Full PDB file with SEQRES, HELIX, SHEET, SSBOND, CRYST1, ORIGX, SCALE, CONECT and MASTER records, all heavy atoms in Angstrom:
SEQRES   1 A   32  ALA MET ASP GLU GLY SER VAL PHE VAL MET SER ILE SER          
SEQRES   2 A   32  ASP GLY SER LEU LEU GLY VAL HIS ALA THR PRO ASP CYS          
SEQRES   3 A   32  ASP MET SER VAL VAL ALA                                      
HELIX    1 AA1 MET A   28  VAL A   31  1                                   4    
SHEET    1 AA1 2 SER A   6  SER A  11  0                                        
SHEET    2 AA1 2 LEU A  17  ALA A  22 -1                                        
CRYST1    1.000    1.000    1.000  90.00  90.00  90.00 P 1           1          
ORIGX1      1.000000  0.000000  0.000000        0.00000                         
ORIGX2      0.000000  1.000000  0.000000        0.00000                         
ORIGX3      0.000000  0.000000  1.000000        0.00000                         
SCALE1      1.000000  0.000000  0.000000        0.00000                         
SCALE2      0.000000  1.000000  0.000000        0.00000                         
SCALE3      0.000000  0.000000  1.000000        0.00000                         
ATOM      1  N   ALA A   1       0.830  -1.175   0.002  1.00  0.00           N  
ATOM      2  CA  ALA A   1      -0.029  -0.007  -0.021  1.00  0.00           C  
ATOM      3  C   ALA A   1       0.864   1.238   0.032  1.00  0.00           C  
ATOM      4  O   ALA A   1       1.776   1.360   0.878  1.00  0.00           O  
ATOM      5  CB  ALA A   1      -0.864  -0.018   1.234  1.00  0.00           C  
ATOM      6  N   MET A   2       0.667   2.143  -0.914  1.00  0.00           N  
ATOM      7  CA  MET A   2       1.428   3.342  -1.102  1.00  0.00           C  
ATOM      8  C   MET A   2       0.420   4.560  -0.985  1.00  0.00           C  
ATOM      9  O   MET A   2      -0.775   4.363  -1.013  1.00  0.00           O  
ATOM     10  CB  MET A   2       2.157   3.357  -2.427  1.00  0.00           C  
ATOM     11  CG  MET A   2       3.075   2.152  -2.576  1.00  0.00           C  
ATOM     12  SD  MET A   2       3.684   1.939  -4.275  1.00  0.00           S  
ATOM     13  CE  MET A   2       2.193   1.170  -5.026  1.00  0.00           C  
ATOM     14  N   ASP A   3       0.989   5.725  -0.897  1.00  0.00           N  
ATOM     15  CA  ASP A   3       0.113   6.943  -0.877  1.00  0.00           C  
ATOM     16  C   ASP A   3      -0.732   7.059  -2.052  1.00  0.00           C  
ATOM     17  O   ASP A   3      -1.866   7.461  -1.977  1.00  0.00           O  
ATOM     18  CB  ASP A   3       0.993   8.211  -0.703  1.00  0.00           C  
ATOM     19  CG  ASP A   3       1.618   8.337   0.674  1.00  0.00           C  
ATOM     20  OD1 ASP A   3       1.155   7.698   1.622  1.00  0.00           O  
ATOM     21  OD2 ASP A   3       2.630   9.116   0.737  1.00  0.00           O  
ATOM     22  N   GLU A   4      -0.176   6.735  -3.214  1.00  0.00           N  
ATOM     23  CA  GLU A   4      -0.903   6.922  -4.505  1.00  0.00           C  
ATOM     24  C   GLU A   4      -1.333   5.626  -5.185  1.00  0.00           C  
ATOM     25  O   GLU A   4      -1.609   5.665  -6.376  1.00  0.00           O  
ATOM     26  CB  GLU A   4      -0.068   7.792  -5.455  1.00  0.00           C  
ATOM     27  CG  GLU A   4       0.355   9.139  -4.890  1.00  0.00           C  
ATOM     28  CD  GLU A   4      -0.923   9.997  -4.601  1.00  0.00           C  
ATOM     29  OE1 GLU A   4      -1.891   9.944  -5.364  1.00  0.00           O  
ATOM     30  OE2 GLU A   4      -0.876  10.758  -3.548  1.00  0.00           O  
ATOM     31  N   GLY A   5      -1.408   4.507  -4.509  1.00  0.00           N  
ATOM     32  CA  GLY A   5      -1.858   3.308  -5.138  1.00  0.00           C  
ATOM     33  C   GLY A   5      -1.416   2.104  -4.384  1.00  0.00           C  
ATOM     34  O   GLY A   5      -0.748   2.193  -3.310  1.00  0.00           O  
ATOM     35  N   SER A   6      -1.841   0.957  -4.863  1.00  0.00           N  
ATOM     36  CA  SER A   6      -1.492  -0.349  -4.227  1.00  0.00           C  
ATOM     37  C   SER A   6      -1.039  -1.315  -5.294  1.00  0.00           C  
ATOM     38  O   SER A   6      -1.522  -1.219  -6.478  1.00  0.00           O  
ATOM     39  CB  SER A   6      -2.667  -0.930  -3.536  1.00  0.00           C  
ATOM     40  OG  SER A   6      -3.094  -0.074  -2.461  1.00  0.00           O  
ATOM     41  N   VAL A   7      -0.205  -2.261  -4.906  1.00  0.00           N  
ATOM     42  CA  VAL A   7       0.201  -3.342  -5.776  1.00  0.00           C  
ATOM     43  C   VAL A   7      -0.103  -4.652  -5.049  1.00  0.00           C  
ATOM     44  O   VAL A   7       0.319  -4.771  -3.894  1.00  0.00           O  
ATOM     45  CB  VAL A   7       1.706  -3.275  -6.159  1.00  0.00           C  
ATOM     46  CG1 VAL A   7       2.103  -4.514  -6.943  1.00  0.00           C  
ATOM     47  CG2 VAL A   7       2.050  -1.984  -6.909  1.00  0.00           C  
ATOM     48  N   PHE A   8      -0.811  -5.503  -5.710  1.00  0.00           N  
ATOM     49  CA  PHE A   8      -1.120  -6.866  -5.146  1.00  0.00           C  
ATOM     50  C   PHE A   8      -0.417  -7.891  -6.000  1.00  0.00           C  
ATOM     51  O   PHE A   8      -0.396  -7.820  -7.257  1.00  0.00           O  
ATOM     52  CB  PHE A   8      -2.616  -7.119  -5.209  1.00  0.00           C  
ATOM     53  CG  PHE A   8      -3.504  -6.151  -4.498  1.00  0.00           C  
ATOM     54  CD1 PHE A   8      -3.797  -4.876  -5.073  1.00  0.00           C  
ATOM     55  CD2 PHE A   8      -3.994  -6.436  -3.226  1.00  0.00           C  
ATOM     56  CE1 PHE A   8      -4.540  -3.948  -4.374  1.00  0.00           C  
ATOM     57  CE2 PHE A   8      -4.741  -5.564  -2.560  1.00  0.00           C  
ATOM     58  CZ  PHE A   8      -5.073  -4.305  -3.099  1.00  0.00           C  
ATOM     59  N   VAL A   9       0.114  -8.918  -5.348  1.00  0.00           N  
ATOM     60  CA  VAL A   9       0.774 -10.009  -6.047  1.00  0.00           C  
ATOM     61  C   VAL A   9       0.239 -11.298  -5.454  1.00  0.00           C  
ATOM     62  O   VAL A   9       0.225 -11.431  -4.253  1.00  0.00           O  
ATOM     63  CB  VAL A   9       2.279  -9.965  -5.940  1.00  0.00           C  
ATOM     64  CG1 VAL A   9       2.955 -11.152  -6.671  1.00  0.00           C  
ATOM     65  CG2 VAL A   9       2.840  -8.603  -6.471  1.00  0.00           C  
ATOM     66  N   MET A  10      -0.262 -12.196  -6.343  1.00  0.00           N  
ATOM     67  CA  MET A  10      -0.789 -13.492  -5.854  1.00  0.00           C  
ATOM     68  C   MET A  10      -0.177 -14.641  -6.678  1.00  0.00           C  
ATOM     69  O   MET A  10      -0.072 -14.475  -7.876  1.00  0.00           O  
ATOM     70  CB  MET A  10      -2.306 -13.450  -6.008  1.00  0.00           C  
ATOM     71  CG  MET A  10      -3.010 -14.599  -5.312  1.00  0.00           C  
ATOM     72  SD  MET A  10      -4.823 -14.479  -5.337  1.00  0.00           S  
ATOM     73  CE  MET A  10      -5.119 -13.289  -4.080  1.00  0.00           C  
ATOM     74  N   SER A  11       0.150 -15.708  -6.035  1.00  0.00           N  
ATOM     75  CA  SER A  11       0.705 -16.840  -6.696  1.00  0.00           C  
ATOM     76  C   SER A  11      -0.403 -17.590  -7.492  1.00  0.00           C  
ATOM     77  O   SER A  11      -1.545 -17.661  -7.037  1.00  0.00           O  
ATOM     78  CB  SER A  11       1.251 -17.895  -5.691  1.00  0.00           C  
ATOM     79  OG  SER A  11       2.297 -17.362  -4.983  1.00  0.00           O  
ATOM     80  N   ILE A  12      -0.086 -18.031  -8.713  1.00  0.00           N  
ATOM     81  CA  ILE A  12      -1.037 -18.707  -9.536  1.00  0.00           C  
ATOM     82  C   ILE A  12      -0.682 -20.258  -9.504  1.00  0.00           C  
ATOM     83  O   ILE A  12      -1.387 -21.004  -8.880  1.00  0.00           O  
ATOM     84  CB  ILE A  12      -1.085 -18.233 -10.986  1.00  0.00           C  
ATOM     85  CG1 ILE A  12      -1.469 -16.769 -11.035  1.00  0.00           C  
ATOM     86  CG2 ILE A  12      -1.992 -19.019 -11.797  1.00  0.00           C  
ATOM     87  CD1 ILE A  12      -1.423 -16.098 -12.426  1.00  0.00           C  
ATOM     88  N   SER A  13       0.356 -20.605 -10.196  1.00  0.00           N  
ATOM     89  CA  SER A  13       0.807 -21.979 -10.200  1.00  0.00           C  
ATOM     90  C   SER A  13       2.211 -22.067 -10.763  1.00  0.00           C  
ATOM     91  O   SER A  13       2.674 -21.187 -11.575  1.00  0.00           O  
ATOM     92  CB  SER A  13      -0.110 -22.835 -11.020  1.00  0.00           C  
ATOM     93  OG  SER A  13      -0.042 -22.457 -12.398  1.00  0.00           O  
ATOM     94  N   ASP A  14       2.983 -23.015 -10.301  1.00  0.00           N  
ATOM     95  CA  ASP A  14       4.354 -23.269 -10.796  1.00  0.00           C  
ATOM     96  C   ASP A  14       5.219 -21.963 -10.803  1.00  0.00           C  
ATOM     97  O   ASP A  14       6.017 -21.748 -11.668  1.00  0.00           O  
ATOM     98  CB  ASP A  14       4.332 -23.817 -12.278  1.00  0.00           C  
ATOM     99  CG  ASP A  14       3.675 -25.194 -12.314  1.00  0.00           C  
ATOM    100  OD1 ASP A  14       3.702 -25.916 -11.313  1.00  0.00           O  
ATOM    101  OD2 ASP A  14       3.126 -25.524 -13.380  1.00  0.00           O  
ATOM    102  N   GLY A  15       4.992 -21.133  -9.816  1.00  0.00           N  
ATOM    103  CA  GLY A  15       5.752 -19.921  -9.690  1.00  0.00           C  
ATOM    104  C   GLY A  15       5.212 -18.696 -10.502  1.00  0.00           C  
ATOM    105  O   GLY A  15       5.733 -17.654 -10.383  1.00  0.00           O  
ATOM    106  N   SER A  16       4.201 -18.966 -11.273  1.00  0.00           N  
ATOM    107  CA  SER A  16       3.582 -17.838 -12.038  1.00  0.00           C  
ATOM    108  C   SER A  16       2.862 -16.917 -11.039  1.00  0.00           C  
ATOM    109  O   SER A  16       2.372 -17.327  -9.975  1.00  0.00           O  
ATOM    110  CB  SER A  16       2.549 -18.312 -13.059  1.00  0.00           C  
ATOM    111  OG  SER A  16       3.233 -19.110 -14.004  1.00  0.00           O  
ATOM    112  N   LEU A  17       2.737 -15.628 -11.399  1.00  0.00           N  
ATOM    113  CA  LEU A  17       2.261 -14.642 -10.459  1.00  0.00           C  
ATOM    114  C   LEU A  17       1.173 -13.757 -11.192  1.00  0.00           C  
ATOM    115  O   LEU A  17       1.337 -13.406 -12.364  1.00  0.00           O  
ATOM    116  CB  LEU A  17       3.336 -13.699  -9.938  1.00  0.00           C  
ATOM    117  CG  LEU A  17       4.447 -14.358  -9.121  1.00  0.00           C  
ATOM    118  CD1 LEU A  17       5.628 -13.361  -8.957  1.00  0.00           C  
ATOM    119  CD2 LEU A  17       3.943 -14.903  -7.824  1.00  0.00           C  
ATOM    120  N   LEU A  18       0.160 -13.403 -10.469  1.00  0.00           N  
ATOM    121  CA  LEU A  18      -0.808 -12.407 -10.952  1.00  0.00           C  
ATOM    122  C   LEU A  18      -0.514 -11.145 -10.214  1.00  0.00           C  
ATOM    123  O   LEU A  18      -0.432 -11.103  -8.976  1.00  0.00           O  
ATOM    124  CB  LEU A  18      -2.249 -12.876 -10.595  1.00  0.00           C  
ATOM    125  CG  LEU A  18      -3.406 -11.882 -10.801  1.00  0.00           C  
ATOM    126  CD1 LEU A  18      -3.487 -11.513 -12.276  1.00  0.00           C  
ATOM    127  CD2 LEU A  18      -4.706 -12.417 -10.276  1.00  0.00           C  
ATOM    128  N   GLY A  19      -0.355  -9.986 -10.881  1.00  0.00           N  
ATOM    129  CA  GLY A  19      -0.098  -8.707 -10.307  1.00  0.00           C  
ATOM    130  C   GLY A  19      -1.107  -7.707 -10.691  1.00  0.00           C  
ATOM    131  O   GLY A  19      -1.598  -7.688 -11.796  1.00  0.00           O  
ATOM    132  N   VAL A  20      -1.519  -6.910  -9.704  1.00  0.00           N  
ATOM    133  CA  VAL A  20      -2.527  -5.837  -9.957  1.00  0.00           C  
ATOM    134  C   VAL A  20      -2.043  -4.523  -9.411  1.00  0.00           C  
ATOM    135  O   VAL A  20      -1.518  -4.456  -8.297  1.00  0.00           O  
ATOM    136  CB  VAL A  20      -3.897  -6.263  -9.201  1.00  0.00           C  
ATOM    137  CG1 VAL A  20      -4.844  -5.069  -9.242  1.00  0.00           C  
ATOM    138  CG2 VAL A  20      -4.495  -7.439  -9.863  1.00  0.00           C  
ATOM    139  N   HIS A  21      -2.201  -3.456 -10.185  1.00  0.00           N  
ATOM    140  CA  HIS A  21      -1.888  -2.088  -9.723  1.00  0.00           C  
ATOM    141  C   HIS A  21      -3.301  -1.465  -9.614  1.00  0.00           C  
ATOM    142  O   HIS A  21      -4.051  -1.357 -10.585  1.00  0.00           O  
ATOM    143  CB  HIS A  21      -1.041  -1.378 -10.781  1.00  0.00           C  
ATOM    144  CG  HIS A  21      -0.844   0.062 -10.409  1.00  0.00           C  
ATOM    145  ND1 HIS A  21      -0.996   1.075 -11.368  1.00  0.00           N  
ATOM    146  CD2 HIS A  21      -0.516   0.686  -9.275  1.00  0.00           C  
ATOM    147  CE1 HIS A  21      -0.744   2.199 -10.797  1.00  0.00           C  
ATOM    148  NE2 HIS A  21      -0.468   2.034  -9.536  1.00  0.00           N  
ATOM    149  N   ALA A  22      -3.527  -0.946  -8.374  1.00  0.00           N  
ATOM    150  CA  ALA A  22      -4.874  -0.372  -8.125  1.00  0.00           C  
ATOM    151  C   ALA A  22      -4.749   1.016  -7.484  1.00  0.00           C  
ATOM    152  O   ALA A  22      -3.726   1.422  -7.027  1.00  0.00           O  
ATOM    153  CB  ALA A  22      -5.658  -1.325  -7.130  1.00  0.00           C  
ATOM    154  N   THR A  23      -5.865   1.664  -7.421  1.00  0.00           N  
ATOM    155  CA  THR A  23      -5.950   3.033  -6.844  1.00  0.00           C  
ATOM    156  C   THR A  23      -5.798   2.982  -5.356  1.00  0.00           C  
ATOM    157  O   THR A  23      -6.022   1.901  -4.729  1.00  0.00           O  
ATOM    158  CB  THR A  23      -7.288   3.694  -7.189  1.00  0.00           C  
ATOM    159  OG1 THR A  23      -8.346   2.881  -6.628  1.00  0.00           O  
ATOM    160  CG2 THR A  23      -7.544   3.803  -8.693  1.00  0.00           C  
ATOM    161  N   PRO A  24      -5.398   4.101  -4.704  1.00  0.00           N  
ATOM    162  CA  PRO A  24      -5.238   4.085  -3.277  1.00  0.00           C  
ATOM    163  C   PRO A  24      -6.562   3.849  -2.506  1.00  0.00           C  
ATOM    164  O   PRO A  24      -6.571   3.392  -1.363  1.00  0.00           O  
ATOM    165  CB  PRO A  24      -4.599   5.396  -2.931  1.00  0.00           C  
ATOM    166  CG  PRO A  24      -4.909   6.294  -4.089  1.00  0.00           C  
ATOM    167  CD  PRO A  24      -5.089   5.343  -5.343  1.00  0.00           C  
ATOM    168  N   ASP A  25      -7.641   4.153  -3.156  1.00  0.00           N  
ATOM    169  CA  ASP A  25      -8.973   4.052  -2.459  1.00  0.00           C  
ATOM    170  C   ASP A  25      -9.740   2.827  -2.879  1.00  0.00           C  
ATOM    171  O   ASP A  25     -10.893   2.708  -2.539  1.00  0.00           O  
ATOM    172  CB  ASP A  25      -9.789   5.322  -2.687  1.00  0.00           C  
ATOM    173  CG  ASP A  25     -10.114   5.560  -4.167  1.00  0.00           C  
ATOM    174  OD1 ASP A  25      -9.469   4.911  -5.031  1.00  0.00           O  
ATOM    175  OD2 ASP A  25     -11.000   6.319  -4.475  1.00  0.00           O  
ATOM    176  N   CYS A  26      -9.030   1.838  -3.510  1.00  0.00           N  
ATOM    177  CA  CYS A  26      -9.744   0.624  -3.910  1.00  0.00           C  
ATOM    178  C   CYS A  26     -10.125  -0.167  -2.632  1.00  0.00           C  
ATOM    179  O   CYS A  26      -9.547   0.015  -1.563  1.00  0.00           O  
ATOM    180  CB  CYS A  26      -8.874  -0.232  -4.772  1.00  0.00           C  
ATOM    181  SG  CYS A  26      -7.446  -1.053  -3.920  1.00  0.00           S  
ATOM    182  N   ASP A  27     -11.120  -0.995  -2.755  1.00  0.00           N  
ATOM    183  CA  ASP A  27     -11.527  -1.872  -1.682  1.00  0.00           C  
ATOM    184  C   ASP A  27     -10.570  -3.100  -1.759  1.00  0.00           C  
ATOM    185  O   ASP A  27     -10.762  -3.944  -2.621  1.00  0.00           O  
ATOM    186  CB  ASP A  27     -12.976  -2.319  -1.794  1.00  0.00           C  
ATOM    187  CG  ASP A  27     -13.521  -3.112  -0.652  1.00  0.00           C  
ATOM    188  OD1 ASP A  27     -12.708  -3.843  -0.042  1.00  0.00           O  
ATOM    189  OD2 ASP A  27     -14.744  -3.036  -0.369  1.00  0.00           O  
ATOM    190  N   MET A  28      -9.618  -3.122  -0.888  1.00  0.00           N  
ATOM    191  CA  MET A  28      -8.592  -4.138  -1.001  1.00  0.00           C  
ATOM    192  C   MET A  28      -9.157  -5.612  -0.867  1.00  0.00           C  
ATOM    193  O   MET A  28      -8.686  -6.500  -1.554  1.00  0.00           O  
ATOM    194  CB  MET A  28      -7.506  -3.948   0.078  1.00  0.00           C  
ATOM    195  CG  MET A  28      -6.743  -2.729  -0.122  1.00  0.00           C  
ATOM    196  SD  MET A  28      -5.500  -2.473   1.234  1.00  0.00           S  
ATOM    197  CE  MET A  28      -4.955  -0.822   0.844  1.00  0.00           C  
ATOM    198  N   SER A  29     -10.211  -5.767  -0.070  1.00  0.00           N  
ATOM    199  CA  SER A  29     -10.770  -7.111   0.017  1.00  0.00           C  
ATOM    200  C   SER A  29     -11.479  -7.537  -1.232  1.00  0.00           C  
ATOM    201  O   SER A  29     -11.444  -8.716  -1.619  1.00  0.00           O  
ATOM    202  CB  SER A  29     -11.724  -7.178   1.255  1.00  0.00           C  
ATOM    203  OG  SER A  29     -12.817  -6.250   1.046  1.00  0.00           O  
ATOM    204  N   VAL A  30     -12.094  -6.594  -1.964  1.00  0.00           N  
ATOM    205  CA  VAL A  30     -12.737  -6.909  -3.269  1.00  0.00           C  
ATOM    206  C   VAL A  30     -11.712  -7.256  -4.271  1.00  0.00           C  
ATOM    207  O   VAL A  30     -11.855  -8.218  -5.031  1.00  0.00           O  
ATOM    208  CB  VAL A  30     -13.629  -5.729  -3.687  1.00  0.00           C  
ATOM    209  CG1 VAL A  30     -14.119  -5.913  -5.109  1.00  0.00           C  
ATOM    210  CG2 VAL A  30     -14.790  -5.525  -2.750  1.00  0.00           C  
ATOM    211  N   VAL A  31     -10.594  -6.466  -4.327  1.00  0.00           N  
ATOM    212  CA  VAL A  31      -9.517  -6.714  -5.267  1.00  0.00           C  
ATOM    213  C   VAL A  31      -8.935  -8.110  -4.969  1.00  0.00           C  
ATOM    214  O   VAL A  31      -8.790  -8.992  -5.905  1.00  0.00           O  
ATOM    215  CB  VAL A  31      -8.424  -5.716  -5.235  1.00  0.00           C  
ATOM    216  CG1 VAL A  31      -7.226  -6.110  -6.056  1.00  0.00           C  
ATOM    217  CG2 VAL A  31      -8.945  -4.287  -5.708  1.00  0.00           C  
ATOM    218  N   ALA A  32      -8.652  -8.467  -3.657  1.00  0.00           N  
ATOM    219  CA  ALA A  32      -8.088  -9.766  -3.342  1.00  0.00           C  
ATOM    220  C   ALA A  32      -9.073 -10.857  -3.672  1.00  0.00           C  
ATOM    221  O   ALA A  32      -8.617 -11.924  -4.204  1.00  0.00           O  
ATOM    222  CB  ALA A  32      -7.724  -9.779  -1.883  1.00  0.00           C  
TER     223      ALA A  32                                                      
MASTER        0    0    0    1    2    0    0    6  222    1    0    3          
END                                                                             
């Protein structure tokens, strides 16, 4: 979580990753 946004990283499979760049006011639980 940063002042001007958020970055989320989630494991998919075999080391692959899903990354999301979101606004600072996003609902983090909805994004996750």
